[in-house]
Structures are given as structure tokens and as C-alpha cells.
Amino acid sequence: MKTITPWPSFPALHRVHSTVIPFPPQTQTLLFPQATFLPSSPKPYINPNPIPKKPSGSLALTLKPVPQLSGHPNTSDSGILFREKILYLENQLNVDSHKALHLNPDFRSAPLSSVKSVEQCLSSMGIERSAIGRILDMHPKLLTSDPDYDLYPIFDFLLNEVGIPFPDIRKCIIRCPRLLVCDVDGQLRPTFGFLTGLGFVGRNSITCHTALLLVSNVEGTLLPKIEYLQSMGLSYDEVVTMVLRSPGLLTLSVQNNLVPKVEYFLREMKGDVVELRRFPQYFSFSLEAKIKPRHRLLVEHGIWLPLSAMLKVSDGEFNARLLEMRLRSAGGR
């Protein structure tokens, strides 16, 4: 065997019958039999270390490199992200996820970051996480709201147009979370204009206690109540005075609250509408739990009290006053 080493800078040349056959550059030593120096005819070159051909077709698919798994979950996995969002909603905010998905189907595709942005917005207004959870559970629509477009304009309206102090914004929202799902131009501002025209200005201005009136529709809710009170024989100005003294009147249902209490007062208690005008807070007390039981006790013992004296005191004070009046009545006989 004779060893032939390729030339360092140029391909090795094998001359046979004045024909030049180039050999590919090789780093390893090539061995040729002695007889190959005088062949009868040229022979093709065979690489002793062939390079495997790249597989194709379905075979190529089976040989694709397997990606290395890291210690972190794949962030593109929608299932993992969805579960993370649901767990955050239930464990951190105590929100019913089934209810949220049912009432707000868009929440299914919303990222967790959108929920956190809403939480951060409400937190910036002084609302604690426990209250935020209750608000979101009550109004799942908020889970997919845009704070800059949907929420901050409401806070700006309450602060700068209604004039509610910043520390009281939290109280407004906790008392009436529905404020957060109302449109400023379509709902809040028109109602605020109506209320200010009615007399909610100056010392009667809207506060955190009466801000819930802003969510009421003027035509469908507020006006029918004013008209019903007028139907009792009261003038518009008298009704306005009643409403300013007891704003809760505008939050009560006409059919379920005002009508039954007026009928009981006029028919059973033989009252005068003038007394209702003087004490509009009468409508804020429960008919079944307070008005009827106390009135029946007074009738049973032949005692009469004005509405304010009958209803404003606690049960203990009422019973003590009733006993005192009975003893006084018995002593005078």
C-alpha cells in the first residue's frame, strides 16, 4: 500500500492518460492500492466517508429536532393562561367565575392583565380589594372594561362636575357600584342636570349618600314618582320639598312601596296627606316590620302618636314610651 497525501493548498491531482481528475479536499489520509497508479481506464472517485443525505417527506418530519423544555410554562398556551386567570379571579378577588363567564362572555378571551388594570384603577380611588371583588362579582361587565375609556371618565365626572370630594368617591362606589357601568353622557350627566334643576344644589347638593340617584333614568324612574306624589293632592313645590328632605323617596318603587304605604296610611291609620308632607321619611320605614306592628299596638291601647314619634325611635324606646303613656292614661282615670 502506498500513501498519497493531498497537497496542502491545492486539490490532489491524479494524472492518468493525460486526464486530470481532481480529488475533493480531505483532511484524513487516503489509501490507494499499488495497482491503481496504472489503471486500464479511469475509475470514479468514491468518498470513503460519505455524508448522509437529508431525509425528505414524512421521514423528515420524524427527525425534526425536539425543542428543549425549560422550567417555565409555555406562555402561548391559552389553556394555562385561562386557568391562571380563573384562579386569580376566584382566589384573589373572590369572584364567581361561572357567573362572570355567563354574564360577560367576552371575559373568556380577555387577558389577565386587563383584569389587573381594572383592579388597579379601582384601588387608586381608595377601594380595597375585598370591596373590588364584590363590585366585580356584582357587575362582571367591568372585567373587560378599559379603565382609561370607561372608568376614569366616571371618576372625573363625580369629582369635577358633581363636586364629590376625593375621599368620598370610595363611599359613592361602594354604596352604588352601578355608577361604574353607567355612561356619563347617556345617563349620569342628564340625570345630574335634572336633579340640580329640581333643587339638589347648595346645602342639598349631591353627596356620597345621594349619588345613587344619578343612575336613575329621568323619564322612566324619577318623573313617575314625582307625578304619583302629586296625584295625592300635593303641589309640585310641596313634592320637591319632600324629595329634598328625604331623597330616598326617589329610589323607592311606586307600585311596591309608595302605593301600599299611602293606602295603609289613609285607610287604616286615617291619616292626613299633610302629615306625609311634614314627615316624608315615613316612606323609608318597612310597612310590615315597623309601621303596621306599631300602629296596631297604639290602636290596641287607644293611644295616638304623630308619625315621627311613632317611627323614628328604636323598639326599646317605643315600648318604653308606650308603657309610660299607658300608665299615665291609667293614673288619670
Protein backbone atom coordinates (compact mmCIF):
# COMPACT_ATOMS: atom_id res chain seq x y z
CA MET A 1 0.00 0.00 0.00
CA LYS A 2 1.28 3.44 -0.90
CA THR A 3 0.17 6.52 0.94
CA ILE A 4 -0.67 9.67 -1.03
CA THR A 5 -1.20 12.88 0.98
CA PRO A 6 -3.13 15.75 -0.67
CA TRP A 7 -1.21 18.94 -1.34
CA PRO A 8 -1.80 21.47 1.43
CA SER A 9 -3.03 24.35 -0.74
CA PHE A 10 -4.41 22.72 -3.89
CA PRO A 11 -6.55 19.69 -4.65
CA ALA A 12 -4.61 16.50 -5.21
CA LEU A 13 -4.24 15.61 -8.86
CA HIS A 14 -4.18 12.05 -10.23
CA ARG A 15 -2.91 12.03 -13.82
CA VAL A 16 -3.89 9.06 -15.94
CA HIS A 17 -3.56 9.10 -19.74
CA SER A 18 -3.18 12.93 -19.70
CA THR A 19 -6.55 13.26 -17.96
CA VAL A 20 -6.64 15.31 -14.79
CA ILE A 21 -9.10 14.07 -12.14
CA PRO A 22 -9.47 16.40 -9.13
CA PHE A 23 -9.94 14.90 -5.69
CA PRO A 24 -12.06 16.68 -3.08
CA PRO A 25 -10.12 18.23 -0.22
CA GLN A 26 -9.75 15.76 2.62
CA THR A 27 -8.15 16.11 5.97
CA GLN A 28 -7.71 12.43 6.53
CA THR A 29 -5.08 10.15 4.87
CA LEU A 30 -6.23 8.37 1.72
CA LEU A 31 -5.04 4.86 0.93
CA PHE A 32 -4.86 3.51 -2.60
CA PRO A 33 -3.72 0.08 -3.81
CA GLN A 34 -0.42 -0.04 -5.70
CA ALA A 35 -2.11 -1.16 -8.91
CA THR A 36 -4.25 1.95 -9.13
CA PHE A 37 -1.38 4.05 -10.42
CA LEU A 38 -1.58 2.37 -13.88
CA PRO A 39 -5.26 1.63 -14.42
CA SER A 40 -6.54 0.50 -17.78
CA SER A 41 -9.38 3.08 -17.56
CA PRO A 42 -10.34 5.92 -15.19
CA LYS A 43 -12.42 4.92 -12.23
CA PRO A 44 -14.84 7.20 -10.39
CA TYR A 45 -13.83 8.64 -7.08
CA ILE A 46 -15.58 7.13 -4.04
CA ASN A 47 -15.58 9.10 -0.81
CA PRO A 48 -14.65 6.72 1.99
CA ASN A 49 -16.62 8.86 4.50
CA PRO A 50 -19.88 9.70 2.75
CA ILE A 51 -22.16 12.40 4.21
CA PRO A 52 -25.69 11.09 4.85
CA LYS A 53 -28.38 12.61 2.66
CA LYS A 54 -31.00 14.83 4.26
CA PRO A 55 -34.21 12.84 4.73
CA SER A 56 -37.31 14.11 2.95
CA GLY A 57 -41.06 13.63 3.08
CA SER A 58 -42.68 12.08 6.08
CA LEU A 59 -39.36 10.79 7.30
CA ALA A 60 -38.10 14.33 7.63
CA LEU A 61 -40.96 15.10 9.94
CA THR A 62 -39.98 12.28 12.26
CA LEU A 63 -36.43 13.53 12.50
CA LYS A 64 -37.17 17.15 13.39
CA PRO A 65 -35.25 18.29 16.46
CA VAL A 66 -37.25 18.15 19.67
CA PRO A 67 -37.40 21.57 21.42
CA GLN A 68 -35.75 21.76 24.77
CA LEU A 69 -38.21 22.08 27.67
CA SER A 70 -37.50 24.83 30.12
CA GLY A 71 -38.60 25.07 33.72
CA HIS A 72 -41.27 27.68 32.86
CA PRO A 73 -44.71 27.01 31.33
CA ASN A 74 -45.27 27.86 27.72
CA THR A 75 -46.80 31.35 27.82
CA SER A 76 -48.50 30.81 24.48
CA ASP A 77 -50.62 28.01 25.91
CA SER A 78 -54.10 29.56 26.08
CA GLY A 79 -55.34 26.82 28.39
CA ILE A 80 -52.73 27.59 31.02
CA LEU A 81 -53.37 31.33 30.75
CA PHE A 82 -57.12 30.82 31.03
CA ARG A 83 -56.72 28.70 34.16
CA GLU A 84 -54.36 31.27 35.66
CA LYS A 85 -56.95 33.99 35.04
CA ILE A 86 -59.79 31.95 36.60
CA LEU A 87 -57.72 31.11 39.67
CA TYR A 88 -56.81 34.77 40.14
CA LEU A 89 -60.45 35.76 39.85
CA GLU A 90 -61.64 33.21 42.39
CA ASN A 91 -58.75 33.07 44.86
CA GLN A 92 -57.57 36.68 44.86
CA LEU A 93 -60.78 38.61 44.17
CA ASN A 94 -63.38 36.09 45.37
CA VAL A 95 -65.42 36.47 42.18
CA ASP A 96 -67.68 33.69 40.89
CA SER A 97 -66.01 32.77 37.59
CA HIS A 98 -69.03 30.82 36.28
CA LYS A 99 -71.28 33.81 36.83
CA ALA A 100 -68.69 36.12 35.26
CA LEU A 101 -68.38 33.99 32.11
CA HIS A 102 -72.16 33.67 31.83
CA LEU A 103 -72.89 37.38 32.17
CA ASN A 104 -69.81 38.56 30.27
CA PRO A 105 -68.76 36.05 27.56
CA ASP A 106 -66.03 38.45 26.38
CA PHE A 107 -64.18 37.74 29.60
CA ARG A 108 -63.22 34.30 28.24
CA SER A 109 -60.78 35.83 25.75
CA ALA A 110 -59.66 38.76 27.91
CA PRO A 111 -56.09 38.57 29.26
CA LEU A 112 -55.38 38.56 32.96
CA SER A 113 -53.64 41.91 32.53
CA SER A 114 -56.96 43.57 31.70
CA VAL A 115 -58.47 42.33 34.98
CA LYS A 116 -55.49 43.62 36.91
CA SER A 117 -55.71 47.01 35.19
CA VAL A 118 -59.34 47.35 36.35
CA GLU A 119 -58.34 46.30 39.86
CA GLN A 120 -55.51 48.84 39.87
CA CYS A 121 -57.86 51.59 38.69
CA LEU A 122 -60.38 50.94 41.46
CA SER A 123 -57.60 50.61 44.01
CA SER A 124 -56.25 54.03 43.00
CA MET A 125 -59.59 55.51 44.10
CA GLY A 126 -59.17 54.08 47.60
CA ILE A 127 -61.30 50.96 47.16
CA GLU A 128 -59.87 47.94 48.99
CA ARG A 129 -59.51 44.55 47.31
CA SER A 130 -62.38 42.90 49.22
CA ALA A 131 -64.75 45.62 48.00
CA ILE A 132 -63.32 45.40 44.48
CA GLY A 133 -64.15 41.69 44.44
CA ARG A 134 -67.75 42.35 45.47
CA ILE A 135 -68.09 45.05 42.82
CA LEU A 136 -66.70 42.83 40.05
CA ASP A 137 -68.88 39.93 41.16
CA MET A 138 -71.93 42.19 41.05
CA HIS A 139 -71.03 43.69 37.66
CA PRO A 140 -68.86 41.23 35.66
CA LYS A 141 -69.06 43.62 32.71
CA LEU A 142 -66.31 45.59 34.43
CA LEU A 143 -63.85 42.70 33.95
CA THR A 144 -63.39 43.64 30.29
CA SER A 145 -63.70 47.40 30.64
CA ASP A 146 -60.98 49.83 29.61
CA PRO A 147 -60.11 51.99 32.65
CA ASP A 148 -58.99 54.94 30.54
CA TYR A 149 -62.11 54.91 28.39
CA ASP A 150 -64.78 53.52 30.74
CA LEU A 151 -63.84 54.18 34.37
CA TYR A 152 -61.66 57.26 34.77
CA PRO A 153 -64.19 59.48 32.93
CA ILE A 154 -66.79 58.47 35.57
CA PHE A 155 -64.46 59.38 38.41
CA ASP A 156 -63.62 62.65 36.69
CA PHE A 157 -67.35 63.44 36.37
CA LEU A 158 -68.03 62.71 40.05
CA LEU A 159 -65.07 64.75 41.20
CA ASN A 160 -65.22 67.78 38.94
CA GLU A 161 -68.85 68.13 37.85
CA VAL A 162 -70.82 66.69 40.74
CA GLY A 163 -68.27 68.03 43.21
CA ILE A 164 -67.84 64.99 45.41
CA PRO A 165 -64.57 65.13 47.43
CA PHE A 166 -61.97 62.51 46.56
CA PRO A 167 -62.17 60.72 49.96
CA ASP A 168 -65.91 60.21 49.36
CA ILE A 169 -65.53 58.65 45.91
CA ARG A 170 -64.89 55.29 47.54
CA LYS A 171 -68.13 55.63 49.54
CA CYS A 172 -70.07 56.52 46.38
CA ILE A 173 -68.88 53.41 44.55
CA ILE A 174 -69.35 51.03 47.47
CA ARG A 175 -72.88 52.35 48.09
CA CYS A 176 -73.77 52.20 44.39
CA PRO A 177 -71.39 50.10 42.23
CA ARG A 178 -73.81 50.58 39.34
CA LEU A 179 -72.26 54.02 38.86
CA LEU A 180 -69.30 52.26 37.22
CA VAL A 181 -71.40 50.72 34.45
CA CYS A 182 -73.29 53.91 33.53
CA ASP A 183 -72.39 56.07 30.57
CA VAL A 184 -71.50 59.63 31.52
CA ASP A 185 -73.11 61.35 28.54
CA GLY A 186 -76.04 58.97 28.16
CA GLN A 187 -77.02 58.55 31.82
CA LEU A 188 -75.12 60.35 34.56
CA ARG A 189 -74.89 63.87 33.16
CA PRO A 190 -78.57 64.17 32.06
CA THR A 191 -79.80 62.89 35.45
CA PHE A 192 -77.45 65.24 37.28
CA GLY A 193 -78.87 68.14 35.29
CA PHE A 194 -82.42 67.13 36.21
CA LEU A 195 -81.59 66.80 39.90
CA THR A 196 -79.85 70.16 40.08
CA GLY A 197 -82.88 71.70 38.40
CA LEU A 198 -85.07 70.02 41.00
CA GLY A 199 -83.14 71.69 43.79
CA PHE A 200 -80.17 69.45 44.61
CA VAL A 201 -77.80 72.39 44.90
CA GLY A 202 -76.10 74.25 47.71
CA ARG A 203 -76.67 72.51 51.01
CA ASN A 204 -78.85 69.95 49.17
CA SER A 205 -76.09 69.12 46.67
CA ILE A 206 -75.47 65.52 45.65
CA THR A 207 -73.20 63.76 48.14
CA CYS A 208 -71.88 60.23 48.58
CA HIS A 209 -75.20 59.46 50.27
CA THR A 210 -77.35 60.61 47.35
CA ALA A 211 -75.05 59.87 44.39
CA LEU A 212 -77.06 56.68 43.75
CA LEU A 213 -79.80 58.93 42.33
CA LEU A 214 -77.53 59.54 39.33
CA VAL A 215 -78.12 56.03 38.00
CA SER A 216 -81.90 56.61 37.78
CA ASN A 217 -83.49 57.31 34.43
CA VAL A 218 -85.31 60.65 34.41
CA GLU A 219 -88.27 59.72 32.22
CA GLY A 220 -88.70 56.13 33.38
CA THR A 221 -87.90 56.39 37.09
CA LEU A 222 -87.75 59.85 38.62
CA LEU A 223 -90.67 61.63 36.96
CA PRO A 224 -93.23 58.84 37.64
CA LYS A 225 -92.52 59.08 41.38
CA ILE A 226 -92.91 62.83 41.42
CA GLU A 227 -96.14 62.54 39.45
CA TYR A 228 -97.52 59.91 41.86
CA LEU A 229 -96.85 62.12 44.89
CA GLN A 230 -98.58 64.99 43.10
CA SER A 231 -101.57 62.71 42.48
CA MET A 232 -102.10 62.61 46.26
CA GLY A 233 -103.13 66.25 46.14
CA LEU A 234 -99.70 67.79 46.71
CA SER A 235 -98.35 70.62 44.60
CA TYR A 236 -95.13 70.32 42.61
CA ASP A 237 -93.30 72.59 45.06
CA GLU A 238 -94.53 70.55 48.01
CA VAL A 239 -93.31 67.35 46.38
CA VAL A 240 -89.93 68.94 45.66
CA THR A 241 -89.63 69.93 49.32
CA MET A 242 -90.46 66.37 50.38
CA VAL A 243 -87.86 64.95 48.00
CA LEU A 244 -85.13 67.32 49.15
CA ARG A 245 -85.85 66.44 52.78
CA SER A 246 -85.95 62.71 52.05
CA PRO A 247 -84.06 61.94 48.78
CA GLY A 248 -84.71 58.26 49.34
CA LEU A 249 -88.23 58.84 48.04
CA LEU A 250 -86.80 58.85 44.51
CA THR A 251 -85.27 55.41 44.99
CA LEU A 252 -88.50 53.67 46.02
CA SER A 253 -90.77 51.69 43.73
CA VAL A 254 -94.15 53.30 43.11
CA GLN A 255 -96.11 50.04 42.98
CA ASN A 256 -94.19 48.06 45.58
CA ASN A 257 -93.53 50.79 48.11
CA LEU A 258 -95.25 54.14 47.72
CA VAL A 259 -98.75 52.90 46.84
CA PRO A 260 -99.10 50.29 49.66
CA LYS A 261 -97.82 52.73 52.30
CA VAL A 262 -100.07 55.56 51.15
CA GLU A 263 -103.12 53.27 51.10
CA TYR A 264 -102.41 51.93 54.60
CA PHE A 265 -101.83 55.41 55.96
CA LEU A 266 -105.03 56.83 54.50
CA ARG A 267 -107.34 53.84 55.05
CA GLU A 268 -106.12 52.11 58.20
CA MET A 269 -104.43 54.93 60.03
CA LYS A 270 -106.99 57.52 58.91
CA GLY A 271 -104.12 59.89 58.31
CA ASP A 272 -103.93 63.20 56.51
CA VAL A 273 -101.72 63.82 53.48
CA VAL A 274 -100.43 66.92 55.22
CA GLU A 275 -98.70 64.69 57.75
CA LEU A 276 -96.93 62.83 54.96
CA ARG A 277 -95.77 66.16 53.59
CA ARG A 278 -94.35 67.05 57.02
CA PHE A 279 -92.74 63.66 57.56
CA PRO A 280 -91.72 62.19 54.15
CA GLN A 281 -89.34 59.81 55.92
CA TYR A 282 -92.45 57.70 56.61
CA PHE A 283 -91.88 56.02 53.24
CA SER A 284 -88.41 54.81 54.23
CA PHE A 285 -89.72 52.55 57.01
CA SER A 286 -90.84 48.97 56.43
CA LEU A 287 -94.60 48.62 56.21
CA GLU A 288 -94.73 45.05 57.54
CA ALA A 289 -91.86 45.18 60.03
CA LYS A 290 -92.44 48.56 61.66
CA ILE A 291 -95.40 50.65 60.50
CA LYS A 292 -98.18 48.07 60.91
CA PRO A 293 -96.99 46.50 64.22
CA ARG A 294 -96.52 49.85 65.96
CA HIS A 295 -99.76 51.28 64.69
CA ARG A 296 -101.68 48.21 65.89
CA LEU A 297 -100.15 48.50 69.37
CA LEU A 298 -101.20 52.13 69.57
CA VAL A 299 -104.74 51.31 68.43
CA GLU A 300 -104.94 48.42 70.90
CA HIS A 301 -104.19 50.74 73.82
CA GLY A 302 -106.10 53.71 72.49
CA ILE A 303 -103.02 55.88 72.06
CA TRP A 304 -102.16 58.23 69.19
CA LEU A 305 -98.72 59.42 68.19
CA PRO A 306 -97.55 61.54 65.27
CA LEU A 307 -95.68 59.62 62.56
CA SER A 308 -92.25 60.91 63.57
CA ALA A 309 -92.72 59.90 67.24
CA MET A 310 -94.12 56.52 66.24
CA LEU A 311 -91.37 55.56 63.79
CA LYS A 312 -88.11 57.38 64.49
CA VAL A 313 -87.35 55.76 67.85
CA SER A 314 -85.92 52.30 68.44
CA ASP A 315 -88.08 49.36 69.51
CA GLY A 316 -86.91 49.73 73.11
CA GLU A 317 -87.71 53.43 73.21
CA PHE A 318 -91.08 52.87 71.57
CA ASN A 319 -92.07 50.21 74.10
CA ALA A 320 -90.90 52.39 77.00
CA ARG A 321 -92.85 55.35 75.70
CA LEU A 322 -95.91 53.20 75.14
CA LEU A 323 -95.73 51.87 78.72
CA GLU A 324 -95.31 55.38 80.10
CA MET A 325 -98.34 56.62 78.18
CA ARG A 326 -100.43 53.66 79.35
CA LEU A 327 -99.52 54.31 82.99
CA ARG A 328 -100.26 57.99 82.60
CA SER A 329 -103.58 57.18 80.99
CA ALA A 330 -104.47 54.72 83.79
CA GLY A 331 -103.48 57.21 86.51
CA GLY A 332 -105.70 59.88 85.06
CA ARG A 333 -108.81 57.77 85.32
